[in-house]
Amino acid sequence: MFTENMECSLATRQSREDIVCSVSPVDVQISIELQEPWASVPGKSEAFLHHKHLFEILPIFFKEKIRSAVNHFAQNEFSVEYHTRVFYFQRTEDEFSPFKKIEMLVPNSEFKDAVLALKEYQLEKKEHYKKWQVKGTEHFHELFICTHGERDHCCGKYGLAVYEKFREENKKSGNPLFRIWKSSHIGGHRFAPTFFEAPCMRWYGLFNLENIPQFLQRDKNYFTIDNNYRGMSGINNSFAQFAEKELFKKHAWRWDLAQNKKYEVALSEDCQSAKVIFYFTMEGNPAQQKCKYEICFDKLISGIASCGSDDIKTLKQYKVIEITE
């Protein structure tokens, strides 16, 4: 099935692996501007030197059981000389609400102080970070598209094409609501092109260029969810991720406007399947709606780990059945 030197993204498409539920829940996502070029590991890049202080707080987050992740993004037209832009996306109590977004523009000489201020905010609710906070950008959707070719060939090839198409279509809109960023590795390079949108914290992969206009035109409420959606960082339960995808697929962008979302999960005895019930209200209709799904283990498939790798992964696949009553 897999040929020598096959691209990992192409192999994943051919295997028909369902990529939903391929993103881990996080409490904090930190996105930091980093001048290109990037090494395979961004921390080994020449421009990384003053960023090292970030790794003084991550062990503290780990100790406090704060699930955190970091990505870097490239300089572009928004960059300011001798400054570093930092995004801090913090989970709220509601699994389906956008993360709180803090944007800071930090003089490089003050980077350590700014990072420590974010630690104090997370642990002690002190708001010293406001010294560097950027105002007036709260309405922007931030797209971080993995173009990290030094890490994986597919990210550089397919991610860059998607990045350029997103920028082109975003400019056509006349009133862009999105800022498009080149990102370092964000996991799942075999799903390239892959990206996440913040602060809603939805993740995508195997994305096709023709879907980009639909993705950006939210007011038209037409976006095709196929095997291009990885899930939401805020959702804790894996089986709920499968069900949430079905609702997103059914309602498109109206699903983001739904209120009072909650779910119940009933696991089977062997934990290989589950029944998930979603409750919600749709915009303009105060009546509570209910959708019920059965998620069952279906089969095992094989996939390659990354471009040029000989490692073969064995992957569980599930089928989702909507239960009508």
C-alpha atoms as a PDB file:
ATOM      1  CA  MET A   1       0.000   0.000   0.000  1.00  0.00           C
ATOM      2  CA  PHE A   2       2.755   2.454   0.932  1.00  0.00           C
ATOM      3  CA  THR A   3       5.588   3.012  -1.501  1.00  0.00           C
ATOM      4  CA  GLU A   4       9.140   4.087  -0.791  1.00  0.00           C
ATOM      5  CA  ASN A   5       9.489   7.869  -0.326  1.00  0.00           C
ATOM      6  CA  MET A   6       5.701   8.341  -0.391  1.00  0.00           C
ATOM      7  CA  GLU A   7       4.617  11.665   1.108  1.00  0.00           C
ATOM      8  CA  CYS A   8       2.999  11.132   4.510  1.00  0.00           C
ATOM      9  CA  SER A   9       0.054  13.405   3.659  1.00  0.00           C
ATOM     10  CA  LEU A  10      -0.655  11.506   0.441  1.00  0.00           C
ATOM     11  CA  ALA A  11      -0.413   8.188   2.313  1.00  0.00           C
ATOM     12  CA  THR A  12      -2.931   9.417   4.884  1.00  0.00           C
ATOM     13  CA  ARG A  13      -5.368  10.471   2.181  1.00  0.00           C
ATOM     14  CA  GLN A  14      -5.040   7.107   0.476  1.00  0.00           C
ATOM     15  CA  SER A  15      -5.587   5.216   3.725  1.00  0.00           C
ATOM     16  CA  ARG A  16      -8.820   7.174   4.310  1.00  0.00           C
ATOM     17  CA  GLU A  17      -7.907   7.647   7.944  1.00  0.00           C
ATOM     18  CA  ASP A  18     -10.507   9.747   9.760  1.00  0.00           C
ATOM     19  CA  ILE A  19      -8.508  12.644  11.232  1.00  0.00           C
ATOM     20  CA  VAL A  20     -11.101  13.921  13.704  1.00  0.00           C
ATOM     21  CA  CYS A  21     -10.065  13.519  17.329  1.00  0.00           C
ATOM     22  CA  SER A  22      -6.392  13.936  16.411  1.00  0.00           C
ATOM     23  CA  VAL A  23      -5.878  17.038  18.556  1.00  0.00           C
ATOM     24  CA  SER A  24      -5.176  16.982  22.282  1.00  0.00           C
ATOM     25  CA  PRO A  25      -7.153  19.108  24.764  1.00  0.00           C
ATOM     26  CA  VAL A  26      -5.155  22.084  26.036  1.00  0.00           C
ATOM     27  CA  ASP A  27      -5.718  24.774  28.651  1.00  0.00           C
ATOM     28  CA  VAL A  28      -3.205  27.246  27.217  1.00  0.00           C
ATOM     29  CA  GLN A  29      -1.840  27.727  23.697  1.00  0.00           C
ATOM     30  CA  ILE A  30       1.124  30.102  23.440  1.00  0.00           C
ATOM     31  CA  SER A  31       2.023  31.439  19.984  1.00  0.00           C
ATOM     32  CA  ILE A  32       5.273  33.394  19.670  1.00  0.00           C
ATOM     33  CA  GLU A  33       6.750  35.324  16.760  1.00  0.00           C
ATOM     34  CA  LEU A  34      10.079  33.909  15.620  1.00  0.00           C
ATOM     35  CA  GLN A  35      12.177  35.139  12.708  1.00  0.00           C
ATOM     36  CA  GLU A  36      12.759  32.600   9.951  1.00  0.00           C
ATOM     37  CA  PRO A  37      14.553  30.409   9.022  1.00  0.00           C
ATOM     38  CA  TRP A  38      13.520  27.797  11.579  1.00  0.00           C
ATOM     39  CA  ALA A  39      15.459  24.686  12.445  1.00  0.00           C
ATOM     40  CA  SER A  40      13.583  21.398  12.629  1.00  0.00           C
ATOM     41  CA  VAL A  41      13.299  22.124  16.354  1.00  0.00           C
ATOM     42  CA  PRO A  42      12.541  25.882  16.632  1.00  0.00           C
ATOM     43  CA  GLY A  43      14.536  26.127  19.857  1.00  0.00           C
ATOM     44  CA  LYS A  44      17.683  25.465  17.832  1.00  0.00           C
ATOM     45  CA  SER A  45      17.014  28.352  15.431  1.00  0.00           C
ATOM     46  CA  GLU A  46      19.428  31.281  15.403  1.00  0.00           C
ATOM     47  CA  ALA A  47      16.703  33.774  16.324  1.00  0.00           C
ATOM     48  CA  PHE A  48      15.502  31.793  19.341  1.00  0.00           C
ATOM     49  CA  LEU A  49      17.997  33.082  21.905  1.00  0.00           C
ATOM     50  CA  HIS A  50      15.808  35.551  23.787  1.00  0.00           C
ATOM     51  CA  HIS A  51      12.856  33.105  23.733  1.00  0.00           C
ATOM     52  CA  LYS A  52      14.592  30.641  26.038  1.00  0.00           C
ATOM     53  CA  HIS A  53      12.837  32.150  29.061  1.00  0.00           C
ATOM     54  CA  LEU A  54       9.604  30.568  27.880  1.00  0.00           C
ATOM     55  CA  PHE A  55      10.910  27.220  29.062  1.00  0.00           C
ATOM     56  CA  GLU A  56      11.217  28.539  32.585  1.00  0.00           C
ATOM     57  CA  ILE A  57       7.435  28.615  32.941  1.00  0.00           C
ATOM     58  CA  LEU A  58       6.331  25.510  31.028  1.00  0.00           C
ATOM     59  CA  PRO A  59       7.576  23.093  33.750  1.00  0.00           C
ATOM     60  CA  ILE A  60       5.558  25.117  36.245  1.00  0.00           C
ATOM     61  CA  PHE A  61       2.458  24.729  34.110  1.00  0.00           C
ATOM     62  CA  PHE A  62       3.116  20.998  33.908  1.00  0.00           C
ATOM     63  CA  LYS A  63       3.478  20.785  37.681  1.00  0.00           C
ATOM     64  CA  GLU A  64       0.177  22.638  38.112  1.00  0.00           C
ATOM     65  CA  LYS A  65      -1.478  20.275  35.587  1.00  0.00           C
ATOM     66  CA  ILE A  66      -2.074  23.116  33.148  1.00  0.00           C
ATOM     67  CA  ARG A  67      -2.031  21.522  29.714  1.00  0.00           C
ATOM     68  CA  SER A  68      -0.003  23.868  27.532  1.00  0.00           C
ATOM     69  CA  ALA A  69       1.288  23.901  23.970  1.00  0.00           C
ATOM     70  CA  VAL A  70       3.585  26.246  22.056  1.00  0.00           C
ATOM     71  CA  ASN A  71       3.928  27.159  18.405  1.00  0.00           C
ATOM     72  CA  HIS A  72       5.948  29.863  16.666  1.00  0.00           C
ATOM     73  CA  PHE A  73       4.882  32.061  13.780  1.00  0.00           C
ATOM     74  CA  ALA A  74       6.861  33.962  11.189  1.00  0.00           C
ATOM     75  CA  GLN A  75       7.337  37.694  10.884  1.00  0.00           C
ATOM     76  CA  ASN A  76       5.132  39.459   8.337  1.00  0.00           C
ATOM     77  CA  GLU A  77       3.570  42.856   7.644  1.00  0.00           C
ATOM     78  CA  PHE A  78       2.379  43.126  11.261  1.00  0.00           C
ATOM     79  CA  SER A  79       5.884  42.759  12.692  1.00  0.00           C
ATOM     80  CA  VAL A  80       7.623  45.587  14.565  1.00  0.00           C
ATOM     81  CA  GLU A  81      11.410  45.811  14.575  1.00  0.00           C
ATOM     82  CA  TYR A  82      13.109  44.690  17.806  1.00  0.00           C
ATOM     83  CA  HIS A  83       9.784  43.464  19.191  1.00  0.00           C
ATOM     84  CA  THR A  84       8.178  40.046  19.546  1.00  0.00           C
ATOM     85  CA  ARG A  85       4.441  39.487  19.184  1.00  0.00           C
ATOM     86  CA  VAL A  86       2.979  36.945  21.600  1.00  0.00           C
ATOM     87  CA  PHE A  87      -0.483  35.388  21.678  1.00  0.00           C
ATOM     88  CA  TYR A  88      -1.740  33.725  24.840  1.00  0.00           C
ATOM     89  CA  PHE A  89      -4.925  31.719  24.351  1.00  0.00           C
ATOM     90  CA  GLN A  90      -6.456  30.590  27.630  1.00  0.00           C
ATOM     91  CA  ARG A  91      -9.262  28.099  27.964  1.00  0.00           C
ATOM     92  CA  THR A  92     -12.510  29.192  29.619  1.00  0.00           C
ATOM     93  CA  GLU A  93     -14.727  26.983  31.759  1.00  0.00           C
ATOM     94  CA  ASP A  94     -17.040  26.218  28.840  1.00  0.00           C
ATOM     95  CA  GLU A  95     -15.596  23.534  26.548  1.00  0.00           C
ATOM     96  CA  PHE A  96     -17.214  25.126  23.476  1.00  0.00           C
ATOM     97  CA  SER A  97     -16.498  28.816  24.050  1.00  0.00           C
ATOM     98  CA  PRO A  98     -13.576  30.577  22.371  1.00  0.00           C
ATOM     99  CA  PHE A  99     -10.421  30.751  24.448  1.00  0.00           C
ATOM    100  CA  LYS A 100      -9.567  34.089  26.005  1.00  0.00           C
ATOM    101  CA  LYS A 101      -7.144  35.847  23.676  1.00  0.00           C
ATOM    102  CA  ILE A 102      -4.312  38.010  24.965  1.00  0.00           C
ATOM    103  CA  GLU A 103      -2.092  39.655  22.357  1.00  0.00           C
ATOM    104  CA  MET A 104       1.129  41.361  23.411  1.00  0.00           C
ATOM    105  CA  LEU A 105       3.841  43.276  21.558  1.00  0.00           C
ATOM    106  CA  VAL A 106       7.003  42.975  23.628  1.00  0.00           C
ATOM    107  CA  PRO A 107      10.390  44.696  23.211  1.00  0.00           C
ATOM    108  CA  ASN A 108      12.927  41.896  22.897  1.00  0.00           C
ATOM    109  CA  SER A 109      14.780  43.216  25.950  1.00  0.00           C
ATOM    110  CA  GLU A 110      11.614  42.737  28.054  1.00  0.00           C
ATOM    111  CA  PHE A 111      10.627  39.290  26.787  1.00  0.00           C
ATOM    112  CA  LYS A 112      11.500  37.505  30.047  1.00  0.00           C
ATOM    113  CA  ASP A 113       9.432  39.948  32.092  1.00  0.00           C
ATOM    114  CA  ALA A 114       6.468  39.516  29.762  1.00  0.00           C
ATOM    115  CA  VAL A 115       6.621  35.721  29.931  1.00  0.00           C
ATOM    116  CA  LEU A 116       6.804  35.805  33.723  1.00  0.00           C
ATOM    117  CA  ALA A 117       3.808  38.152  33.729  1.00  0.00           C
ATOM    118  CA  LEU A 118       1.830  35.538  31.798  1.00  0.00           C
ATOM    119  CA  LYS A 119       2.808  32.941  34.364  1.00  0.00           C
ATOM    120  CA  GLU A 120       1.591  35.234  37.158  1.00  0.00           C
ATOM    121  CA  TYR A 121      -1.648  35.808  35.307  1.00  0.00           C
ATOM    122  CA  GLN A 122      -2.267  32.095  34.833  1.00  0.00           C
ATOM    123  CA  LEU A 123      -1.436  31.119  38.418  1.00  0.00           C
ATOM    124  CA  GLU A 124      -2.285  34.219  40.446  1.00  0.00           C
ATOM    125  CA  LYS A 125      -4.594  36.284  38.205  1.00  0.00           C
ATOM    126  CA  LYS A 126      -2.216  39.242  38.320  1.00  0.00           C
ATOM    127  CA  GLU A 127      -2.536  41.430  35.240  1.00  0.00           C
ATOM    128  CA  HIS A 128       0.969  42.834  34.782  1.00  0.00           C
ATOM    129  CA  TYR A 129       0.873  41.555  31.192  1.00  0.00           C
ATOM    130  CA  LYS A 130      -1.329  44.546  30.286  1.00  0.00           C
ATOM    131  CA  LYS A 131       1.826  46.658  30.057  1.00  0.00           C
ATOM    132  CA  TRP A 132       2.460  45.024  26.671  1.00  0.00           C
ATOM    133  CA  GLN A 133      -1.113  44.193  25.613  1.00  0.00           C
ATOM    134  CA  VAL A 134      -2.281  45.089  22.099  1.00  0.00           C
ATOM    135  CA  LYS A 135      -5.767  46.583  21.970  1.00  0.00           C
ATOM    136  CA  GLY A 136      -8.216  46.755  19.086  1.00  0.00           C
ATOM    137  CA  THR A 137      -7.469  43.329  17.602  1.00  0.00           C
ATOM    138  CA  GLU A 138      -9.931  41.312  19.662  1.00  0.00           C
ATOM    139  CA  HIS A 139     -12.237  40.805  16.666  1.00  0.00           C
ATOM    140  CA  PHE A 140      -9.610  39.111  14.495  1.00  0.00           C
ATOM    141  CA  HIS A 141      -9.585  35.382  13.827  1.00  0.00           C
ATOM    142  CA  GLU A 142      -5.986  34.160  13.886  1.00  0.00           C
ATOM    143  CA  LEU A 143      -5.043  31.331  11.496  1.00  0.00           C
ATOM    144  CA  PHE A 144      -1.767  29.528  12.202  1.00  0.00           C
ATOM    145  CA  ILE A 145      -0.863  27.402   9.183  1.00  0.00           C
ATOM    146  CA  CYS A 146       2.004  24.951   9.494  1.00  0.00           C
ATOM    147  CA  THR A 147       4.591  25.655   6.784  1.00  0.00           C
ATOM    148  CA  HIS A 148       7.486  24.062   8.678  1.00  0.00           C
ATOM    149  CA  GLY A 149       9.300  22.330   5.830  1.00  0.00           C
ATOM    150  CA  GLU A 150      12.413  21.713   7.925  1.00  0.00           C
ATOM    151  CA  ARG A 151      10.272  19.491  10.147  1.00  0.00           C
ATOM    152  CA  ASP A 152       8.356  17.665   7.442  1.00  0.00           C
ATOM    153  CA  HIS A 153       8.302  17.876   3.656  1.00  0.00           C
ATOM    154  CA  CYS A 154       4.491  17.869   3.401  1.00  0.00           C
ATOM    155  CA  CYS A 155       4.140  20.845   5.750  1.00  0.00           C
ATOM    156  CA  GLY A 156       6.481  22.905   3.614  1.00  0.00           C
ATOM    157  CA  LYS A 157       4.891  21.864   0.328  1.00  0.00           C
ATOM    158  CA  TYR A 158       1.168  21.773   1.061  1.00  0.00           C
ATOM    159  CA  GLY A 159       1.131  24.145   4.014  1.00  0.00           C
ATOM    160  CA  LEU A 160       2.784  26.937   2.049  1.00  0.00           C
ATOM    161  CA  ALA A 161       0.287  26.564  -0.813  1.00  0.00           C
ATOM    162  CA  VAL A 162      -2.641  26.810   1.604  1.00  0.00           C
ATOM    163  CA  TYR A 163      -1.043  29.772   3.384  1.00  0.00           C
ATOM    164  CA  GLU A 164      -0.665  31.696   0.140  1.00  0.00           C
ATOM    165  CA  LYS A 165      -4.213  30.889  -0.986  1.00  0.00           C
ATOM    166  CA  PHE A 166      -5.642  31.981   2.363  1.00  0.00           C
ATOM    167  CA  ARG A 167      -3.825  35.316   2.103  1.00  0.00           C
ATOM    168  CA  GLU A 168      -5.023  35.825  -1.459  1.00  0.00           C
ATOM    169  CA  GLU A 169      -8.675  35.113  -0.644  1.00  0.00           C
ATOM    170  CA  ASN A 170      -8.535  37.093   2.596  1.00  0.00           C
ATOM    171  CA  LYS A 171      -7.374  40.203   0.714  1.00  0.00           C
ATOM    172  CA  LYS A 172     -10.243  39.811  -1.767  1.00  0.00           C
ATOM    173  CA  SER A 173     -12.795  40.136   1.034  1.00  0.00           C
ATOM    174  CA  GLY A 174     -12.164  43.879   1.394  1.00  0.00           C
ATOM    175  CA  ASN A 175     -12.825  43.733   5.134  1.00  0.00           C
ATOM    176  CA  PRO A 176     -10.743  40.807   6.319  1.00  0.00           C
ATOM    177  CA  LEU A 177     -11.602  39.325   9.691  1.00  0.00           C
ATOM    178  CA  PHE A 178      -8.622  36.995   9.578  1.00  0.00           C
ATOM    179  CA  ARG A 179      -4.906  37.352  10.102  1.00  0.00           C
ATOM    180  CA  ILE A 180      -2.935  34.597   8.442  1.00  0.00           C
ATOM    181  CA  TRP A 181       0.335  33.410  10.018  1.00  0.00           C
ATOM    182  CA  LYS A 182       2.996  30.916   8.942  1.00  0.00           C
ATOM    183  CA  SER A 183       3.391  28.524  11.854  1.00  0.00           C
ATOM    184  CA  SER A 184       6.006  26.097  13.051  1.00  0.00           C
ATOM    185  CA  HIS A 185       5.096  22.450  13.612  1.00  0.00           C
ATOM    186  CA  ILE A 186       1.743  22.067  15.371  1.00  0.00           C
ATOM    187  CA  GLY A 187       1.487  18.284  15.330  1.00  0.00           C
ATOM    188  CA  GLY A 188       0.006  15.921  12.796  1.00  0.00           C
ATOM    189  CA  HIS A 189       2.243  16.656   9.823  1.00  0.00           C
ATOM    190  CA  ARG A 190       0.856  13.568   8.095  1.00  0.00           C
ATOM    191  CA  PHE A 191      -2.405  15.554   7.923  1.00  0.00           C
ATOM    192  CA  ALA A 192      -0.720  18.398   6.014  1.00  0.00           C
ATOM    193  CA  PRO A 193      -1.814  20.980   5.190  1.00  0.00           C
ATOM    194  CA  THR A 194      -2.779  21.529   8.813  1.00  0.00           C
ATOM    195  CA  PHE A 195      -3.683  24.656  10.772  1.00  0.00           C
ATOM    196  CA  PHE A 196      -5.657  25.918  13.716  1.00  0.00           C
ATOM    197  CA  GLU A 197      -7.947  28.886  14.159  1.00  0.00           C
ATOM    198  CA  ALA A 198      -7.815  30.894  17.351  1.00  0.00           C
ATOM    199  CA  PRO A 199      -9.405  31.851  19.649  1.00  0.00           C
ATOM    200  CA  CYS A 200     -12.089  29.257  18.799  1.00  0.00           C
ATOM    201  CA  MET A 201      -9.298  26.634  18.795  1.00  0.00           C
ATOM    202  CA  ARG A 202     -10.585  24.517  15.931  1.00  0.00           C
ATOM    203  CA  TRP A 203      -7.974  22.420  14.134  1.00  0.00           C
ATOM    204  CA  TYR A 204      -7.959  21.317  10.495  1.00  0.00           C
ATOM    205  CA  GLY A 205      -5.942  19.028   8.254  1.00  0.00           C
ATOM    206  CA  LEU A 206      -5.854  17.514   4.746  1.00  0.00           C
ATOM    207  CA  PHE A 207      -7.312  20.857   3.706  1.00  0.00           C
ATOM    208  CA  ASN A 208      -8.136  21.506   0.057  1.00  0.00           C
ATOM    209  CA  LEU A 209      -7.535  24.837  -1.645  1.00  0.00           C
ATOM    210  CA  GLU A 210     -11.072  24.971  -3.039  1.00  0.00           C
ATOM    211  CA  ASN A 211     -12.511  25.000   0.506  1.00  0.00           C
ATOM    212  CA  ILE A 212     -10.768  28.242   1.469  1.00  0.00           C
ATOM    213  CA  PRO A 213     -13.374  30.753   0.173  1.00  0.00           C
ATOM    214  CA  GLN A 214     -16.123  28.805   1.978  1.00  0.00           C
ATOM    215  CA  PHE A 215     -14.057  28.812   5.134  1.00  0.00           C
ATOM    216  CA  LEU A 216     -13.553  32.579   5.112  1.00  0.00           C
ATOM    217  CA  GLN A 217     -17.105  33.582   4.113  1.00  0.00           C
ATOM    218  CA  ARG A 218     -18.801  32.920   7.423  1.00  0.00           C
ATOM    219  CA  ASP A 219     -21.887  35.009   6.663  1.00  0.00           C
ATOM    220  CA  LYS A 220     -22.851  32.688   3.796  1.00  0.00           C
ATOM    221  CA  ASN A 221     -22.835  29.693   6.165  1.00  0.00           C
ATOM    222  CA  TYR A 222     -21.552  27.267   3.589  1.00  0.00           C
ATOM    223  CA  PHE A 223     -18.525  25.230   4.501  1.00  0.00           C
ATOM    224  CA  THR A 224     -18.087  21.560   3.709  1.00  0.00           C
ATOM    225  CA  ILE A 225     -16.827  19.427   6.550  1.00  0.00           C
ATOM    226  CA  ASP A 226     -15.447  16.232   5.107  1.00  0.00           C
ATOM    227  CA  ASN A 227     -12.235  14.623   6.299  1.00  0.00           C
ATOM    228  CA  ASN A 228     -10.621  18.016   6.877  1.00  0.00           C
ATOM    229  CA  TYR A 229     -11.505  18.668  10.522  1.00  0.00           C
ATOM    230  CA  ARG A 230      -9.397  17.524  13.482  1.00  0.00           C
ATOM    231  CA  GLY A 231     -11.526  18.806  16.362  1.00  0.00           C
ATOM    232  CA  MET A 232     -11.473  21.443  19.108  1.00  0.00           C
ATOM    233  CA  SER A 233      -8.784  21.956  21.742  1.00  0.00           C
ATOM    234  CA  GLY A 234     -11.429  22.770  24.346  1.00  0.00           C
ATOM    235  CA  ILE A 235     -13.350  19.477  24.235  1.00  0.00           C
ATOM    236  CA  ASN A 236     -12.143  17.005  26.839  1.00  0.00           C
ATOM    237  CA  ASN A 237     -13.834  13.811  25.692  1.00  0.00           C
ATOM    238  CA  SER A 238     -12.694  11.930  22.581  1.00  0.00           C
ATOM    239  CA  PHE A 239     -16.109  10.482  21.784  1.00  0.00           C
ATOM    240  CA  ALA A 240     -17.654  13.944  22.112  1.00  0.00           C
ATOM    241  CA  GLN A 241     -15.196  15.134  19.441  1.00  0.00           C
ATOM    242  CA  PHE A 242     -16.696  12.664  16.964  1.00  0.00           C
ATOM    243  CA  ALA A 243     -20.232  13.826  17.726  1.00  0.00           C
ATOM    244  CA  GLU A 244     -19.285  17.515  17.611  1.00  0.00           C
ATOM    245  CA  LYS A 245     -17.891  17.019  14.116  1.00  0.00           C
ATOM    246  CA  GLU A 246     -21.256  15.672  12.944  1.00  0.00           C
ATOM    247  CA  LEU A 247     -23.059  18.724  14.308  1.00  0.00           C
ATOM    248  CA  PHE A 248     -20.514  21.077  12.740  1.00  0.00           C
ATOM    249  CA  LYS A 249     -20.950  19.196   9.473  1.00  0.00           C
ATOM    250  CA  LYS A 250     -24.747  19.514   9.659  1.00  0.00           C
ATOM    251  CA  HIS A 251     -25.031  23.176  10.657  1.00  0.00           C
ATOM    252  CA  ALA A 252     -21.790  24.675   9.243  1.00  0.00           C
ATOM    253  CA  TRP A 253     -20.992  28.080  10.785  1.00  0.00           C
ATOM    254  CA  ARG A 254     -24.402  28.318  12.469  1.00  0.00           C
ATOM    255  CA  TRP A 255     -23.073  25.691  14.862  1.00  0.00           C
ATOM    256  CA  ASP A 256     -20.661  28.269  16.291  1.00  0.00           C
ATOM    257  CA  LEU A 257     -23.656  30.453  17.149  1.00  0.00           C
ATOM    258  CA  ALA A 258     -25.529  27.679  18.971  1.00  0.00           C
ATOM    259  CA  GLN A 259     -25.948  28.245  22.704  1.00  0.00           C
ATOM    260  CA  ASN A 260     -26.152  26.132  25.867  1.00  0.00           C
ATOM    261  CA  LYS A 261     -24.071  23.333  24.407  1.00  0.00           C
ATOM    262  CA  LYS A 262     -23.494  20.336  26.635  1.00  0.00           C
ATOM    263  CA  TYR A 263     -23.122  16.612  26.197  1.00  0.00           C
ATOM    264  CA  GLU A 264     -23.434  13.290  27.977  1.00  0.00           C
ATOM    265  CA  VAL A 265     -21.247  10.261  27.245  1.00  0.00           C
ATOM    266  CA  ALA A 266     -22.165   6.680  28.131  1.00  0.00           C
ATOM    267  CA  LEU A 267     -19.225   4.317  27.601  1.00  0.00           C
ATOM    268  CA  SER A 268     -19.589   0.662  26.736  1.00  0.00           C
ATOM    269  CA  GLU A 269     -18.189  -1.860  29.197  1.00  0.00           C
ATOM    270  CA  ASP A 270     -15.048  -2.382  27.121  1.00  0.00           C
ATOM    271  CA  CYS A 271     -14.674   1.383  26.498  1.00  0.00           C
ATOM    272  CA  GLN A 272     -14.442   0.712  22.755  1.00  0.00           C
ATOM    273  CA  SER A 273     -17.686   2.500  21.927  1.00  0.00           C
ATOM    274  CA  ALA A 274     -20.019   5.073  23.422  1.00  0.00           C
ATOM    275  CA  LYS A 275     -23.336   6.814  23.085  1.00  0.00           C
ATOM    276  CA  VAL A 276     -23.119  10.608  23.050  1.00  0.00           C
ATOM    277  CA  ILE A 277     -26.057  12.962  23.511  1.00  0.00           C
ATOM    278  CA  PHE A 278     -25.633  16.645  22.622  1.00  0.00           C
ATOM    279  CA  TYR A 279     -28.007  19.313  23.924  1.00  0.00           C
ATOM    280  CA  PHE A 280     -28.088  22.850  22.499  1.00  0.00           C
ATOM    281  CA  THR A 281     -30.259  25.719  21.287  1.00  0.00           C
ATOM    282  CA  MET A 282     -29.920  27.234  17.838  1.00  0.00           C
ATOM    283  CA  GLU A 283     -29.961  30.953  17.099  1.00  0.00           C
ATOM    284  CA  GLY A 284     -33.505  32.251  16.810  1.00  0.00           C
ATOM    285  CA  ASN A 285     -35.044  29.150  18.404  1.00  0.00           C
ATOM    286  CA  PRO A 286     -35.130  28.960  22.234  1.00  0.00           C
ATOM    287  CA  ALA A 287     -36.270  25.326  22.280  1.00  0.00           C
ATOM    288  CA  GLN A 288     -33.633  22.874  23.402  1.00  0.00           C
ATOM    289  CA  GLN A 289     -32.526  20.434  20.733  1.00  0.00           C
ATOM    290  CA  LYS A 290     -31.059  16.995  21.272  1.00  0.00           C
ATOM    291  CA  CYS A 291     -28.931  14.838  18.987  1.00  0.00           C
ATOM    292  CA  LYS A 292     -27.819  11.334  19.860  1.00  0.00           C
ATOM    293  CA  TYR A 293     -24.936   9.424  18.315  1.00  0.00           C
ATOM    294  CA  GLU A 294     -23.413   6.000  18.676  1.00  0.00           C
ATOM    295  CA  ILE A 295     -19.653   5.882  18.136  1.00  0.00           C
ATOM    296  CA  CYS A 296     -18.369   2.349  17.568  1.00  0.00           C
ATOM    297  CA  PHE A 297     -14.950   0.857  16.959  1.00  0.00           C
ATOM    298  CA  ASP A 298     -14.854  -0.097  13.305  1.00  0.00           C
ATOM    299  CA  LYS A 299     -11.423  -1.369  12.242  1.00  0.00           C
ATOM    300  CA  LEU A 300      -7.660  -0.959  12.362  1.00  0.00           C
ATOM    301  CA  ILE A 301      -5.756   0.638   9.522  1.00  0.00           C
ATOM    302  CA  SER A 302      -2.061   1.310   8.936  1.00  0.00           C
ATOM    303  CA  GLY A 303      -0.329   4.586   8.225  1.00  0.00           C
ATOM    304  CA  ILE A 304       3.201   5.977   7.969  1.00  0.00           C
ATOM    305  CA  ALA A 305       4.421   8.309  10.701  1.00  0.00           C
ATOM    306  CA  SER A 306       6.023  11.036   8.572  1.00  0.00           C
ATOM    307  CA  CYS A 307       7.765  11.680   5.271  1.00  0.00           C
ATOM    308  CA  GLY A 308      10.783   9.436   4.832  1.00  0.00           C
ATOM    309  CA  SER A 309       9.905   7.336   7.862  1.00  0.00           C
ATOM    310  CA  ASP A 310       9.838   3.548   7.887  1.00  0.00           C
ATOM    311  CA  ASP A 311       7.643   3.528  10.990  1.00  0.00           C
ATOM    312  CA  ILE A 312       4.145   2.182  10.443  1.00  0.00           C
ATOM    313  CA  LYS A 313       1.352   3.244  12.797  1.00  0.00           C
ATOM    314  CA  THR A 314      -1.660   1.091  13.591  1.00  0.00           C
ATOM    315  CA  LEU A 315      -4.681   3.338  13.942  1.00  0.00           C
ATOM    316  CA  LYS A 316      -8.134   2.693  15.366  1.00  0.00           C
ATOM    317  CA  GLN A 317     -11.024   3.856  13.232  1.00  0.00           C
ATOM    318  CA  TYR A 318     -14.571   4.512  14.415  1.00  0.00           C
ATOM    319  CA  LYS A 319     -17.927   4.885  12.729  1.00  0.00           C
ATOM    320  CA  VAL A 320     -20.536   7.387  13.852  1.00  0.00           C
ATOM    321  CA  ILE A 321     -24.233   6.584  13.640  1.00  0.00           C
ATOM    322  CA  GLU A 322     -26.913   9.172  14.379  1.00  0.00           C
ATOM    323  CA  ILE A 323     -29.731   7.667  16.441  1.00  0.00           C
ATOM    324  CA  THR A 324     -33.186   8.968  15.598  1.00  0.00           C
ATOM    325  CA  GLU A 325     -35.992   8.566  18.108  1.00  0.00           C
END
